[in-house]
């Protein structure tokens, strides 16, 4: 099994477990789901990119995009707290 196949397998398993846990916890906000999924994906991507130098180059672009998405979610939460305006 290649490194990318293991990465996809671990990521889908992690998402499935997280979805079940948050469903039992009755989480209903999309921001929470997106934040948790982004943090999980970033952590797993960093873990897998440290195993293979070739994978590090390929997965670094994914890390940048996901981190930018996470910053957008945090920025909307901060603006909602400071100004009381919900952007998303």
N, C-alpha and C. Protein backbone atom coordinates (compact mmCIF):
# COMPACT_ATOMS: atom_id res chain seq x y z
N UNK A 1 0.85 -1.17 0.00
CA UNK A 1 0.00 0.00 0.00
C UNK A 1 0.91 1.24 0.00
N UNK A 2 0.63 2.16 -0.90
CA UNK A 2 1.47 3.35 -1.00
C UNK A 2 1.15 4.32 0.13
N UNK A 3 2.04 5.29 0.28
CA UNK A 3 1.88 6.27 1.34
C UNK A 3 0.60 7.09 1.16
N UNK A 4 0.29 7.44 -0.09
CA UNK A 4 -0.91 8.24 -0.34
C UNK A 4 -2.18 7.45 -0.05
N UNK A 5 -2.17 6.15 -0.35
CA UNK A 5 -3.34 5.32 -0.04
C UNK A 5 -3.54 5.21 1.47
N UNK A 6 -2.44 5.06 2.21
CA UNK A 6 -2.55 5.02 3.67
C UNK A 6 -3.05 6.35 4.21
N UNK A 7 -2.58 7.44 3.62
CA UNK A 7 -3.02 8.78 4.04
C UNK A 7 -4.53 8.93 3.85
N UNK A 8 -5.02 8.56 2.70
CA UNK A 8 -6.45 8.66 2.41
C UNK A 8 -7.25 7.75 3.34
N UNK A 9 -6.75 6.54 3.58
CA UNK A 9 -7.44 5.60 4.47
C UNK A 9 -7.52 6.15 5.89
N UNK A 10 -6.42 6.67 6.40
CA UNK A 10 -6.41 7.24 7.75
C UNK A 10 -7.31 8.47 7.83
N UNK A 11 -7.29 9.30 6.81
CA UNK A 11 -8.09 10.51 6.82
C UNK A 11 -9.59 10.19 6.81
N UNK A 12 -9.99 9.26 5.98
CA UNK A 12 -11.41 8.90 5.94
C UNK A 12 -11.85 8.23 7.25
N UNK A 13 -11.00 7.40 7.81
CA UNK A 13 -11.33 6.76 9.09
C UNK A 13 -11.45 7.80 10.20
N UNK A 14 -10.54 8.76 10.22
CA UNK A 14 -10.57 9.81 11.23
C UNK A 14 -11.81 10.68 11.09
N UNK A 15 -12.17 11.01 9.85
CA UNK A 15 -13.38 11.80 9.62
C UNK A 15 -14.64 11.03 10.04
N UNK A 16 -14.67 9.75 9.76
CA UNK A 16 -15.84 8.95 10.14
C UNK A 16 -16.00 8.88 11.65
N UNK A 17 -14.91 8.66 12.36
CA UNK A 17 -14.96 8.58 13.82
C UNK A 17 -15.37 9.93 14.41
N UNK A 18 -14.80 11.00 13.87
CA UNK A 18 -15.13 12.34 14.36
C UNK A 18 -16.59 12.68 14.11
N UNK A 19 -17.10 12.31 12.95
CA UNK A 19 -18.49 12.58 12.62
C UNK A 19 -19.43 11.85 13.57
N UNK A 20 -19.12 10.62 13.87
CA UNK A 20 -19.95 9.85 14.80
C UNK A 20 -19.91 10.47 16.19
N UNK A 21 -18.74 10.85 16.65
CA UNK A 21 -18.61 11.44 17.99
C UNK A 21 -19.38 12.77 18.07
N UNK A 22 -19.23 13.61 17.04
CA UNK A 22 -19.92 14.90 17.09
C UNK A 22 -21.42 14.75 16.88
N UNK A 23 -21.85 13.71 16.18
CA UNK A 23 -23.29 13.46 16.04
C UNK A 23 -23.88 13.03 17.38
N UNK A 24 -23.17 12.18 18.12
CA UNK A 24 -23.65 11.79 19.44
C UNK A 24 -23.64 12.96 20.41
N UNK A 25 -22.70 13.91 20.21
CA UNK A 25 -22.63 15.09 21.07
C UNK A 25 -23.63 16.16 20.64
N UNK A 26 -24.37 15.90 19.57
CA UNK A 26 -25.39 16.79 19.04
C UNK A 26 -24.84 18.17 18.67
N UNK A 27 -23.70 18.18 18.03
CA UNK A 27 -23.11 19.42 17.53
C UNK A 27 -23.86 19.80 16.26
N UNK A 28 -24.32 21.03 16.20
CA UNK A 28 -25.14 21.44 15.05
C UNK A 28 -24.56 22.62 14.28
N UNK A 29 -23.41 23.12 14.67
CA UNK A 29 -22.83 24.26 13.98
C UNK A 29 -21.80 23.79 12.96
N UNK A 30 -21.95 24.28 11.75
CA UNK A 30 -21.06 23.88 10.67
C UNK A 30 -19.63 24.35 10.91
N UNK A 31 -19.47 25.50 11.56
CA UNK A 31 -18.14 26.03 11.85
C UNK A 31 -17.33 25.06 12.71
N UNK A 32 -17.98 24.42 13.64
CA UNK A 32 -17.28 23.49 14.52
C UNK A 32 -16.82 22.27 13.73
N UNK A 33 -17.70 21.74 12.89
CA UNK A 33 -17.31 20.61 12.06
C UNK A 33 -16.13 20.97 11.17
N UNK A 34 -16.20 22.11 10.49
CA UNK A 34 -15.13 22.51 9.60
C UNK A 34 -13.82 22.73 10.35
N UNK A 35 -13.89 23.35 11.51
CA UNK A 35 -12.68 23.59 12.29
C UNK A 35 -12.03 22.29 12.74
N UNK A 36 -12.83 21.37 13.23
CA UNK A 36 -12.28 20.09 13.68
C UNK A 36 -11.70 19.31 12.51
N UNK A 37 -12.40 19.29 11.39
CA UNK A 37 -11.90 18.57 10.22
C UNK A 37 -10.60 19.20 9.70
N UNK A 38 -10.53 20.52 9.70
CA UNK A 38 -9.31 21.17 9.23
C UNK A 38 -8.13 20.88 10.15
N UNK A 39 -8.34 20.94 11.44
CA UNK A 39 -7.25 20.65 12.38
C UNK A 39 -6.80 19.19 12.24
N UNK A 40 -7.75 18.28 12.11
CA UNK A 40 -7.40 16.87 11.93
C UNK A 40 -6.61 16.66 10.64
N UNK A 41 -7.05 17.29 9.57
CA UNK A 41 -6.37 17.13 8.29
C UNK A 41 -4.97 17.72 8.34
N UNK A 42 -4.83 18.89 8.96
CA UNK A 42 -3.50 19.50 9.09
C UNK A 42 -2.57 18.61 9.90
N UNK A 43 -3.05 18.09 11.01
CA UNK A 43 -2.21 17.24 11.85
C UNK A 43 -1.82 15.96 11.13
N UNK A 44 -2.76 15.34 10.46
CA UNK A 44 -2.46 14.09 9.75
C UNK A 44 -1.54 14.35 8.56
N UNK A 45 -1.71 15.47 7.89
CA UNK A 45 -0.84 15.80 6.77
C UNK A 45 0.59 16.04 7.23
N UNK A 46 0.75 16.73 8.34
CA UNK A 46 2.09 16.94 8.89
C UNK A 46 2.71 15.61 9.31
N UNK A 47 1.92 14.75 9.91
CA UNK A 47 2.42 13.44 10.33
C UNK A 47 2.89 12.62 9.14
N UNK A 48 2.10 12.58 8.08
CA UNK A 48 2.46 11.78 6.92
C UNK A 48 3.56 12.43 6.08
N UNK A 49 3.63 13.74 6.06
CA UNK A 49 4.66 14.38 5.25
C UNK A 49 6.03 14.24 5.89
N UNK A 50 6.09 13.97 7.18
CA UNK A 50 7.39 13.75 7.82
C UNK A 50 7.94 12.36 7.54
N UNK A 51 7.12 11.46 7.02
CA UNK A 51 7.58 10.11 6.74
C UNK A 51 8.34 9.99 5.42
N UNK A 52 8.02 10.82 4.47
CA UNK A 52 8.61 10.70 3.14
C UNK A 52 8.91 12.10 2.60
N UNK A 53 10.16 12.36 2.19
CA UNK A 53 10.49 13.69 1.68
C UNK A 53 9.71 14.06 0.41
N UNK A 54 9.42 13.08 -0.43
CA UNK A 54 8.66 13.36 -1.64
C UNK A 54 7.22 13.75 -1.29
N UNK A 55 6.67 13.10 -0.28
CA UNK A 55 5.31 13.42 0.15
C UNK A 55 5.25 14.80 0.77
N UNK A 56 6.33 15.24 1.40
CA UNK A 56 6.36 16.56 2.02
C UNK A 56 6.13 17.65 0.98
N UNK A 57 6.75 17.51 -0.17
CA UNK A 57 6.57 18.50 -1.23
C UNK A 57 5.15 18.50 -1.76
N UNK A 58 4.58 17.33 -1.90
CA UNK A 58 3.23 17.23 -2.45
C UNK A 58 2.17 17.71 -1.48
N UNK A 59 2.35 17.40 -0.21
CA UNK A 59 1.33 17.73 0.78
C UNK A 59 1.47 19.13 1.37
N UNK A 60 2.59 19.82 1.11
CA UNK A 60 2.76 21.16 1.66
C UNK A 60 1.76 22.14 1.06
N UNK A 61 1.42 21.97 -0.21
CA UNK A 61 0.42 22.85 -0.82
C UNK A 61 -0.94 22.64 -0.16
N UNK A 62 -1.27 21.41 0.16
CA UNK A 62 -2.52 21.12 0.86
C UNK A 62 -2.53 21.77 2.23
N UNK A 63 -1.39 21.73 2.92
CA UNK A 63 -1.30 22.36 4.23
C UNK A 63 -1.56 23.86 4.16
N UNK A 64 -0.99 24.53 3.17
CA UNK A 64 -1.20 25.97 3.04
C UNK A 64 -2.66 26.32 2.78
N UNK A 65 -3.29 25.57 1.93
CA UNK A 65 -4.69 25.83 1.61
C UNK A 65 -5.58 25.58 2.83
N UNK A 66 -5.35 24.49 3.52
CA UNK A 66 -6.16 24.18 4.70
C UNK A 66 -5.93 25.18 5.83
N UNK A 67 -4.70 25.61 6.00
CA UNK A 67 -4.41 26.59 7.04
C UNK A 67 -5.08 27.92 6.71
N UNK A 68 -5.10 28.30 5.45
CA UNK A 68 -5.80 29.53 5.04
C UNK A 68 -7.29 29.41 5.33
N UNK A 69 -7.88 28.25 5.07
CA UNK A 69 -9.28 28.03 5.39
C UNK A 69 -9.55 28.12 6.88
N UNK A 70 -8.66 27.57 7.67
CA UNK A 70 -8.80 27.64 9.12
C UNK A 70 -8.70 29.09 9.59
N UNK A 71 -7.81 29.88 8.99
CA UNK A 71 -7.69 31.29 9.37
C UNK A 71 -8.94 32.08 9.01
N UNK A 72 -9.60 31.72 7.93
CA UNK A 72 -10.86 32.38 7.56
C UNK A 72 -11.93 32.09 8.60
N UNK A 73 -11.99 30.85 9.06
CA UNK A 73 -12.98 30.49 10.09
C UNK A 73 -12.70 31.23 11.39
N UNK A 74 -11.43 31.31 11.78
CA UNK A 74 -11.07 32.03 13.00
C UNK A 74 -11.35 33.52 12.86
N UNK A 75 -11.06 34.09 11.70
CA UNK A 75 -11.30 35.52 11.48
C UNK A 75 -12.79 35.83 11.55
N UNK A 76 -13.63 34.97 10.99
CA UNK A 76 -15.07 35.22 11.07
C UNK A 76 -15.57 35.11 12.51
N UNK A 77 -15.00 34.18 13.26
CA UNK A 77 -15.40 34.06 14.67
C UNK A 77 -14.97 35.29 15.47
N UNK A 78 -13.79 35.80 15.19
CA UNK A 78 -13.31 36.99 15.90
C UNK A 78 -14.16 38.21 15.55
N UNK A 79 -14.50 38.38 14.29
CA UNK A 79 -15.34 39.52 13.91
C UNK A 79 -16.74 39.40 14.50
N UNK A 80 -17.21 38.17 14.63
CA UNK A 80 -18.52 37.96 15.25
C UNK A 80 -18.48 38.32 16.73
N UNK A 81 -17.38 38.03 17.38
CA UNK A 81 -17.25 38.35 18.80
C UNK A 81 -17.09 39.85 19.00
N UNK A 82 -16.24 40.47 18.19
CA UNK A 82 -15.93 41.90 18.39
C UNK A 82 -17.09 42.77 17.97
N UNK A 83 -17.60 42.59 16.76
CA UNK A 83 -18.63 43.49 16.22
C UNK A 83 -20.03 42.92 16.32
N UNK A 84 -20.17 41.68 16.63
CA UNK A 84 -21.49 41.08 16.74
C UNK A 84 -22.16 40.83 15.40
N UNK A 85 -21.37 40.78 14.33
CA UNK A 85 -21.91 40.56 12.98
C UNK A 85 -21.51 39.17 12.53
N UNK A 86 -22.49 38.34 12.19
CA UNK A 86 -22.21 37.00 11.71
C UNK A 86 -21.94 37.03 10.22
N UNK A 87 -20.74 36.65 9.80
CA UNK A 87 -20.38 36.67 8.39
C UNK A 87 -20.73 35.36 7.69
N UNK A 88 -20.59 34.25 8.37
CA UNK A 88 -20.89 32.96 7.76
C UNK A 88 -22.10 32.33 8.40
